[in-house]
Amino acid sequence: IVSNYDYIEISATGKADSFLSMLETLATAVA
């Protein structure tokens, strides 16, 4: 996670077959 004067950005990478797990984890935390 990067935060500066202009924005907050969450960057995540993972295995291709973990795409749904990544989305669900990120959505729960951000939304």
PDB file of all heavy atoms in Angstrom:
ATOM      1  N   ILE A   1       0.857  -1.187   0.000  1.00  0.00           N
ATOM      2  CA  ILE A   1       0.000   0.000   0.000  1.00  0.00           C
ATOM      3  C   ILE A   1       0.890   1.234   0.000  1.00  0.00           C
ATOM      4  O   ILE A   1       1.823   1.336   0.800  1.00  0.00           O
ATOM      5  CB  ILE A   1      -0.930   0.035   1.222  1.00  0.00           C
ATOM      6  CG1 ILE A   1      -1.774  -1.241   1.292  1.00  0.00           C
ATOM      7  CG2 ILE A   1      -1.847   1.257   1.170  1.00  0.00           C
ATOM      8  CD1 ILE A   1      -2.653  -1.325   2.507  1.00  0.00           C
ATOM      9  N   VAL A   2       0.598   2.152  -0.911  1.00  0.00           N
ATOM     10  CA  VAL A   2       1.337   3.407  -1.009  1.00  0.00           C
ATOM     11  C   VAL A   2       0.361   4.552  -0.807  1.00  0.00           C
ATOM     12  O   VAL A   2      -0.742   4.556  -1.365  1.00  0.00           O
ATOM     13  CB  VAL A   2       2.017   3.548  -2.390  1.00  0.00           C
ATOM     14  CG1 VAL A   2       2.629   4.936  -2.548  1.00  0.00           C
ATOM     15  CG2 VAL A   2       3.087   2.473  -2.576  1.00  0.00           C
ATOM     16  N   SER A   3       0.770   5.525   0.001  1.00  0.00           N
ATOM     17  CA  SER A   3      -0.049   6.717   0.212  1.00  0.00           C
ATOM     18  C   SER A   3       0.833   7.951   0.042  1.00  0.00           C
ATOM     19  O   SER A   3       1.930   8.007   0.599  1.00  0.00           O
ATOM     20  CB  SER A   3      -0.675   6.699   1.610  1.00  0.00           C
ATOM     21  OG  SER A   3      -1.406   7.883   1.853  1.00  0.00           O
ATOM     22  N   ASN A   4       0.390   8.908  -0.747  1.00  0.00           N
ATOM     23  CA  ASN A   4       1.144  10.148  -0.925  1.00  0.00           C
ATOM     24  C   ASN A   4       0.182  11.327  -1.032  1.00  0.00           C
ATOM     25  O   ASN A   4      -1.008  11.183  -0.730  1.00  0.00           O
ATOM     26  CB  ASN A   4       2.077  10.048  -2.139  1.00  0.00           C
ATOM     27  CG  ASN A   4       1.332   9.701  -3.424  1.00  0.00           C
ATOM     28  OD1 ASN A   4       0.207  10.134  -3.640  1.00  0.00           O
ATOM     29  ND2 ASN A   4       1.957   8.892  -4.271  1.00  0.00           N
ATOM     30  N   TYR A   5       0.678  12.480  -1.450  1.00  0.00           N
ATOM     31  CA  TYR A   5      -0.188  13.652  -1.537  1.00  0.00           C
ATOM     32  C   TYR A   5      -1.347  13.445  -2.512  1.00  0.00           C
ATOM     33  O   TYR A   5      -2.425  14.012  -2.342  1.00  0.00           O
ATOM     34  CB  TYR A   5       0.611  14.872  -2.005  1.00  0.00           C
ATOM     35  CG  TYR A   5       1.477  15.506  -0.949  1.00  0.00           C
ATOM     36  CD1 TYR A   5       2.865  15.559  -1.108  1.00  0.00           C
ATOM     37  CD2 TYR A   5       0.933  16.076   0.198  1.00  0.00           C
ATOM     38  CE1 TYR A   5       3.677  16.148  -0.146  1.00  0.00           C
ATOM     39  CE2 TYR A   5       1.730  16.669   1.161  1.00  0.00           C
ATOM     40  CZ  TYR A   5       3.104  16.704   0.984  1.00  0.00           C
ATOM     41  OH  TYR A   5       3.909  17.286   1.938  1.00  0.00           O
ATOM     42  N   ASP A   6      -1.146  12.629  -3.556  1.00  0.00           N
ATOM     43  CA  ASP A   6      -2.091  12.554  -4.661  1.00  0.00           C
ATOM     44  C   ASP A   6      -3.045  11.370  -4.615  1.00  0.00           C
ATOM     45  O   ASP A   6      -4.137  11.444  -5.172  1.00  0.00           O
ATOM     46  CB  ASP A   6      -1.332  12.512  -5.991  1.00  0.00           C
ATOM     47  CG  ASP A   6      -0.460  13.744  -6.192  1.00  0.00           C
ATOM     48  OD1 ASP A   6      -0.899  14.838  -5.780  1.00  0.00           O
ATOM     49  OD2 ASP A   6       0.646  13.617  -6.749  1.00  0.00           O
ATOM     50  N   TYR A   7      -2.649  10.273  -4.000  1.00  0.00           N
ATOM     51  CA  TYR A   7      -3.501   9.085  -4.044  1.00  0.00           C
ATOM     52  C   TYR A   7      -3.108   8.058  -2.985  1.00  0.00           C
ATOM     53  O   TYR A   7      -2.041   8.144  -2.361  1.00  0.00           O
ATOM     54  CB  TYR A   7      -3.455   8.423  -5.428  1.00  0.00           C
ATOM     55  CG  TYR A   7      -2.069   7.998  -5.876  1.00  0.00           C
ATOM     56  CD1 TYR A   7      -1.488   6.814  -5.424  1.00  0.00           C
ATOM     57  CD2 TYR A   7      -1.343   8.769  -6.790  1.00  0.00           C
ATOM     58  CE1 TYR A   7      -0.230   6.414  -5.846  1.00  0.00           C
ATOM     59  CE2 TYR A   7      -0.082   8.392  -7.214  1.00  0.00           C
ATOM     60  CZ  TYR A   7       0.468   7.210  -6.751  1.00  0.00           C
ATOM     61  OH  TYR A   7       1.720   6.824  -7.168  1.00  0.00           O
ATOM     62  N   ILE A   8      -4.003   7.078  -2.812  1.00  0.00           N
ATOM     63  CA  ILE A   8      -3.716   5.857  -2.061  1.00  0.00           C
ATOM     64  C   ILE A   8      -3.810   4.720  -3.070  1.00  0.00           C
ATOM     65  O   ILE A   8      -4.763   4.646  -3.842  1.00  0.00           O
ATOM     66  CB  ILE A   8      -4.728   5.635  -0.927  1.00  0.00           C
ATOM     67  CG1 ILE A   8      -4.631   6.746   0.119  1.00  0.00           C
ATOM     68  CG2 ILE A   8      -4.513   4.271  -0.265  1.00  0.00           C
ATOM     69  CD1 ILE A   8      -5.751   6.699   1.167  1.00  0.00           C
ATOM     70  N   GLU A   9      -2.818   3.840  -3.074  1.00  0.00           N
ATOM     71  CA  GLU A   9      -2.833   2.742  -4.045  1.00  0.00           C
ATOM     72  C   GLU A   9      -2.514   1.419  -3.366  1.00  0.00           C
ATOM     73  O   GLU A   9      -1.528   1.294  -2.643  1.00  0.00           O
ATOM     74  CB  GLU A   9      -1.832   2.992  -5.171  1.00  0.00           C
ATOM     75  CG  GLU A   9      -1.828   1.912  -6.247  1.00  0.00           C
ATOM     76  CD  GLU A   9      -0.922   2.260  -7.410  1.00  0.00           C
ATOM     77  OE1 GLU A   9      -1.337   3.108  -8.236  1.00  0.00           O
ATOM     78  OE2 GLU A   9       0.195   1.707  -7.492  1.00  0.00           O
ATOM     79  N   ILE A  10      -3.367   0.434  -3.613  1.00  0.00           N
ATOM     80  CA  ILE A  10      -3.153  -0.929  -3.123  1.00  0.00           C
ATOM     81  C   ILE A  10      -2.702  -1.763  -4.308  1.00  0.00           C
ATOM     82  O   ILE A  10      -3.383  -1.804  -5.347  1.00  0.00           O
ATOM     83  CB  ILE A  10      -4.436  -1.528  -2.514  1.00  0.00           C
ATOM     84  CG1 ILE A  10      -4.903  -0.699  -1.315  1.00  0.00           C
ATOM     85  CG2 ILE A  10      -4.211  -2.964  -2.092  1.00  0.00           C
ATOM     86  CD1 ILE A  10      -5.989   0.277  -1.623  1.00  0.00           C
ATOM     87  N   SER A  11      -1.556  -2.424  -4.190  1.00  0.00           N
ATOM     88  CA  SER A  11      -1.016  -3.256  -5.266  1.00  0.00           C
ATOM     89  C   SER A  11      -0.902  -4.686  -4.773  1.00  0.00           C
ATOM     90  O   SER A  11      -0.271  -4.948  -3.745  1.00  0.00           O
ATOM     91  CB  SER A  11       0.366  -2.760  -5.705  1.00  0.00           C
ATOM     92  OG  SER A  11       0.313  -1.431  -6.168  1.00  0.00           O
ATOM     93  N   ALA A  12      -1.503  -5.613  -5.511  1.00  0.00           N
ATOM     94  CA  ALA A  12      -1.472  -7.023  -5.130  1.00  0.00           C
ATOM     95  C   ALA A  12      -1.112  -7.884  -6.337  1.00  0.00           C
ATOM     96  O   ALA A  12      -1.522  -7.599  -7.465  1.00  0.00           O
ATOM     97  CB  ALA A  12      -2.824  -7.453  -4.578  1.00  0.00           C
ATOM     98  N   THR A  13      -0.329  -8.938  -6.092  1.00  0.00           N
ATOM     99  CA  THR A  13      -0.034  -9.925  -7.123  1.00  0.00           C
ATOM    100  C   THR A  13      -0.262 -11.314  -6.536  1.00  0.00           C
ATOM    101  O   THR A  13      -0.221 -11.506  -5.317  1.00  0.00           O
ATOM    102  CB  THR A  13       1.427  -9.831  -7.615  1.00  0.00           C
ATOM    103  OG1 THR A  13       2.316 -10.122  -6.511  1.00  0.00           O
ATOM    104  CG2 THR A  13       1.740  -8.439  -8.148  1.00  0.00           C
ATOM    105  N   GLY A  14      -0.507 -12.267  -7.410  1.00  0.00           N
ATOM    106  CA  GLY A  14      -0.716 -13.627  -6.942  1.00  0.00           C
ATOM    107  C   GLY A  14      -0.811 -14.595  -8.100  1.00  0.00           C
ATOM    108  O   GLY A  14      -0.781 -14.197  -9.277  1.00  0.00           O
ATOM    109  N   LYS A  15      -0.923 -15.883  -7.791  1.00  0.00           N
ATOM    110  CA  LYS A  15      -1.076 -16.908  -8.807  1.00  0.00           C
ATOM    111  C   LYS A  15      -2.366 -16.662  -9.589  1.00  0.00           C
ATOM    112  O   LYS A  15      -3.367 -16.193  -9.050  1.00  0.00           O
ATOM    113  CB  LYS A  15      -1.128 -18.292  -8.160  1.00  0.00           C
ATOM    114  CG  LYS A  15       0.136 -18.703  -7.414  1.00  0.00           C
ATOM    115  CD  LYS A  15      -0.025 -20.074  -6.777  1.00  0.00           C
ATOM    116  CE  LYS A  15      -1.088 -20.065  -5.689  1.00  0.00           C
ATOM    117  NZ  LYS A  15      -1.179 -21.388  -4.996  1.00  0.00           N
ATOM    118  N   ALA A  16      -2.333 -17.013 -10.870  1.00  0.00           N
ATOM    119  CA  ALA A  16      -3.496 -16.775 -11.719  1.00  0.00           C
ATOM    120  C   ALA A  16      -4.731 -17.511 -11.205  1.00  0.00           C
ATOM    121  O   ALA A  16      -5.848 -16.990 -11.282  1.00  0.00           O
ATOM    122  CB  ALA A  16      -3.185 -17.185 -13.159  1.00  0.00           C
ATOM    123  N   ASP A  17      -4.540 -18.719 -10.645  1.00  0.00           N
ATOM    124  CA  ASP A  17      -5.704 -19.471 -10.166  1.00  0.00           C
ATOM    125  C   ASP A  17      -6.216 -18.970  -8.818  1.00  0.00           C
ATOM    126  O   ASP A  17      -7.177 -19.502  -8.267  1.00  0.00           O
ATOM    127  CB  ASP A  17      -5.397 -20.965 -10.107  1.00  0.00           C
ATOM    128  CG  ASP A  17      -4.223 -21.301  -9.188  1.00  0.00           C
ATOM    129  OD1 ASP A  17      -3.725 -20.387  -8.505  1.00  0.00           O
ATOM    130  OD2 ASP A  17      -3.816 -22.473  -9.158  1.00  0.00           O
ATOM    131  N   SER A  18      -5.557 -17.930  -8.284  1.00  0.00           N
ATOM    132  CA  SER A  18      -6.003 -17.328  -7.022  1.00  0.00           C
ATOM    133  C   SER A  18      -6.724 -15.998  -7.246  1.00  0.00           C
ATOM    134  O   SER A  18      -6.936 -15.236  -6.304  1.00  0.00           O
ATOM    135  CB  SER A  18      -4.802 -17.101  -6.094  1.00  0.00           C
ATOM    136  OG  SER A  18      -4.140 -18.297  -5.812  1.00  0.00           O
ATOM    137  N   PHE A  19      -7.099 -15.743  -8.481  1.00  0.00           N
ATOM    138  CA  PHE A  19      -7.692 -14.449  -8.843  1.00  0.00           C
ATOM    139  C   PHE A  19      -8.918 -14.114  -7.988  1.00  0.00           C
ATOM    140  O   PHE A  19      -9.046 -13.008  -7.464  1.00  0.00           O
ATOM    141  CB  PHE A  19      -8.057 -14.455 -10.328  1.00  0.00           C
ATOM    142  CG  PHE A  19      -8.657 -13.174 -10.823  1.00  0.00           C
ATOM    143  CD1 PHE A  19      -7.952 -11.979 -10.734  1.00  0.00           C
ATOM    144  CD2 PHE A  19      -9.924 -13.154 -11.369  1.00  0.00           C
ATOM    145  CE1 PHE A  19      -8.506 -10.788 -11.194  1.00  0.00           C
ATOM    146  CE2 PHE A  19     -10.494 -11.971 -11.834  1.00  0.00           C
ATOM    147  CZ  PHE A  19      -9.778 -10.787 -11.747  1.00  0.00           C
ATOM    148  N   LEU A  20      -9.806 -15.089  -7.819  1.00  0.00           N
ATOM    149  CA  LEU A  20     -11.024 -14.820  -7.049  1.00  0.00           C
ATOM    150  C   LEU A  20     -10.718 -14.532  -5.586  1.00  0.00           C
ATOM    151  O   LEU A  20     -11.325 -13.646  -4.975  1.00  0.00           O
ATOM    152  CB  LEU A  20     -11.985 -16.015  -7.155  1.00  0.00           C
ATOM    153  CG  LEU A  20     -12.747 -16.167  -8.473  1.00  0.00           C
ATOM    154  CD1 LEU A  20     -13.650 -17.384  -8.419  1.00  0.00           C
ATOM    155  CD2 LEU A  20     -13.570 -14.921  -8.779  1.00  0.00           C
ATOM    156  N   SER A  21      -9.772 -15.274  -5.026  1.00  0.00           N
ATOM    157  CA  SER A  21      -9.388 -15.029  -3.628  1.00  0.00           C
ATOM    158  C   SER A  21      -8.816 -13.633  -3.463  1.00  0.00           C
ATOM    159  O   SER A  21      -9.091 -12.937  -2.468  1.00  0.00           O
ATOM    160  CB  SER A  21      -8.362 -16.068  -3.175  1.00  0.00           C
ATOM    161  OG  SER A  21      -8.927 -17.354  -3.147  1.00  0.00           O
ATOM    162  N   MET A  22      -8.016 -13.196  -4.444  1.00  0.00           N
ATOM    163  CA  MET A  22      -7.440 -11.856  -4.401  1.00  0.00           C
ATOM    164  C   MET A  22      -8.539 -10.803  -4.431  1.00  0.00           C
ATOM    165  O   MET A  22      -8.564  -9.876  -3.612  1.00  0.00           O
ATOM    166  CB  MET A  22      -6.478 -11.659  -5.567  1.00  0.00           C
ATOM    167  CG  MET A  22      -5.221 -12.499  -5.515  1.00  0.00           C
ATOM    168  SD  MET A  22      -4.239 -12.350  -7.031  1.00  0.00           S
ATOM    169  CE  MET A  22      -3.775 -10.608  -6.977  1.00  0.00           C
ATOM    170  N   LEU A  23      -9.462 -10.952  -5.380  1.00  0.00           N
ATOM    171  CA  LEU A  23     -10.537  -9.969  -5.513  1.00  0.00           C
ATOM    172  C   LEU A  23     -11.385  -9.881  -4.250  1.00  0.00           C
ATOM    173  O   LEU A  23     -11.701  -8.791  -3.773  1.00  0.00           O
ATOM    174  CB  LEU A  23     -11.432 -10.337  -6.700  1.00  0.00           C
ATOM    175  CG  LEU A  23     -11.039  -9.865  -8.089  1.00  0.00           C
ATOM    176  CD1 LEU A  23     -12.099 -10.283  -9.091  1.00  0.00           C
ATOM    177  CD2 LEU A  23     -10.811  -8.358  -8.142  1.00  0.00           C
ATOM    178  N   GLU A  24     -11.754 -11.035  -3.712  1.00  0.00           N
ATOM    179  CA  GLU A  24     -12.602 -11.039  -2.525  1.00  0.00           C
ATOM    180  C   GLU A  24     -11.898 -10.385  -1.339  1.00  0.00           C
ATOM    181  O   GLU A  24     -12.500  -9.584  -0.609  1.00  0.00           O
ATOM    182  CB  GLU A  24     -12.990 -12.473  -2.171  1.00  0.00           C
ATOM    183  CG  GLU A  24     -13.951 -12.556  -0.991  1.00  0.00           C
ATOM    184  CD  GLU A  24     -14.382 -13.971  -0.689  1.00  0.00           C
ATOM    185  OE1 GLU A  24     -13.772 -14.921  -1.230  1.00  0.00           O
ATOM    186  OE2 GLU A  24     -15.342 -14.133   0.088  1.00  0.00           O
ATOM    187  N   THR A  25     -10.610 -10.701  -1.162  1.00  0.00           N
ATOM    188  CA  THR A  25      -9.850 -10.123  -0.043  1.00  0.00           C
ATOM    189  C   THR A  25      -9.724  -8.616  -0.192  1.00  0.00           C
ATOM    190  O   THR A  25      -9.917  -7.862   0.775  1.00  0.00           O
ATOM    191  CB  THR A  25      -8.439 -10.760   0.016  1.00  0.00           C
ATOM    192  OG1 THR A  25      -8.577 -12.178   0.154  1.00  0.00           O
ATOM    193  CG2 THR A  25      -7.657 -10.205   1.198  1.00  0.00           C
ATOM    194  N   LEU A  26      -9.409  -8.171  -1.395  1.00  0.00           N
ATOM    195  CA  LEU A  26      -9.242  -6.733  -1.631  1.00  0.00           C
ATOM    196  C   LEU A  26     -10.565  -5.989  -1.484  1.00  0.00           C
ATOM    197  O   LEU A  26     -10.620  -4.912  -0.879  1.00  0.00           O
ATOM    198  CB  LEU A  26      -8.647  -6.497  -3.027  1.00  0.00           C
ATOM    199  CG  LEU A  26      -7.217  -6.985  -3.243  1.00  0.00           C
ATOM    200  CD1 LEU A  26      -6.836  -6.888  -4.719  1.00  0.00           C
ATOM    201  CD2 LEU A  26      -6.234  -6.170  -2.398  1.00  0.00           C
ATOM    202  N   ALA A  27     -11.623  -6.550  -2.025  1.00  0.00           N
ATOM    203  CA  ALA A  27     -12.931  -5.885  -1.963  1.00  0.00           C
ATOM    204  C   ALA A  27     -13.402  -5.746  -0.528  1.00  0.00           C
ATOM    205  O   ALA A  27     -13.922  -4.688  -0.133  1.00  0.00           O
ATOM    206  CB  ALA A  27     -13.949  -6.670  -2.786  1.00  0.00           C
ATOM    207  N   THR A  28     -13.240  -6.784   0.271  1.00  0.00           N
ATOM    208  CA  THR A  28     -13.670  -6.728   1.671  1.00  0.00           C
ATOM    209  C   THR A  28     -12.927  -5.632   2.427  1.00  0.00           C
ATOM    210  O   THR A  28     -13.526  -4.886   3.210  1.00  0.00           O
ATOM    211  CB  THR A  28     -13.421  -8.081   2.354  1.00  0.00           C
ATOM    212  OG1 THR A  28     -14.157  -9.102   1.663  1.00  0.00           O
ATOM    213  CG2 THR A  28     -13.869  -8.047   3.814  1.00  0.00           C
ATOM    214  N   ALA A  29     -11.622  -5.523   2.164  1.00  0.00           N
ATOM    215  CA  ALA A  29     -10.804  -4.550   2.901  1.00  0.00           C
ATOM    216  C   ALA A  29     -11.035  -3.122   2.434  1.00  0.00           C
ATOM    217  O   ALA A  29     -11.074  -2.192   3.247  1.00  0.00           O
ATOM    218  CB  ALA A  29      -9.327  -4.910   2.747  1.00  0.00           C
ATOM    219  N   VAL A  30     -11.201  -2.942   1.133  1.00  0.00           N
ATOM    220  CA  VAL A  30     -11.289  -1.584   0.579  1.00  0.00           C
ATOM    221  C   VAL A  30     -12.712  -1.035   0.649  1.00  0.00           C
ATOM    222  O   VAL A  30     -12.927   0.123   1.013  1.00  0.00           O
ATOM    223  CB  VAL A  30     -10.779  -1.562  -0.880  1.00  0.00           C
ATOM    224  CG1 VAL A  30     -11.000  -0.195  -1.504  1.00  0.00           C
ATOM    225  CG2 VAL A  30      -9.309  -1.946  -0.943  1.00  0.00           C
ATOM    226  N   ALA A  31     -13.674  -1.848   0.277  1.00  0.00           N
ATOM    227  CA  ALA A  31     -15.050  -1.360   0.201  1.00  0.00           C
ATOM    228  C   ALA A  31     -15.715  -1.240   1.566  1.00  0.00           C
ATOM    229  O   ALA A  31     -16.631  -0.437   1.746  1.00  0.00           O
ATOM    230  CB  ALA A  31     -15.876  -2.288  -0.693  1.00  0.00           C
TER     231      ALA A  31
END
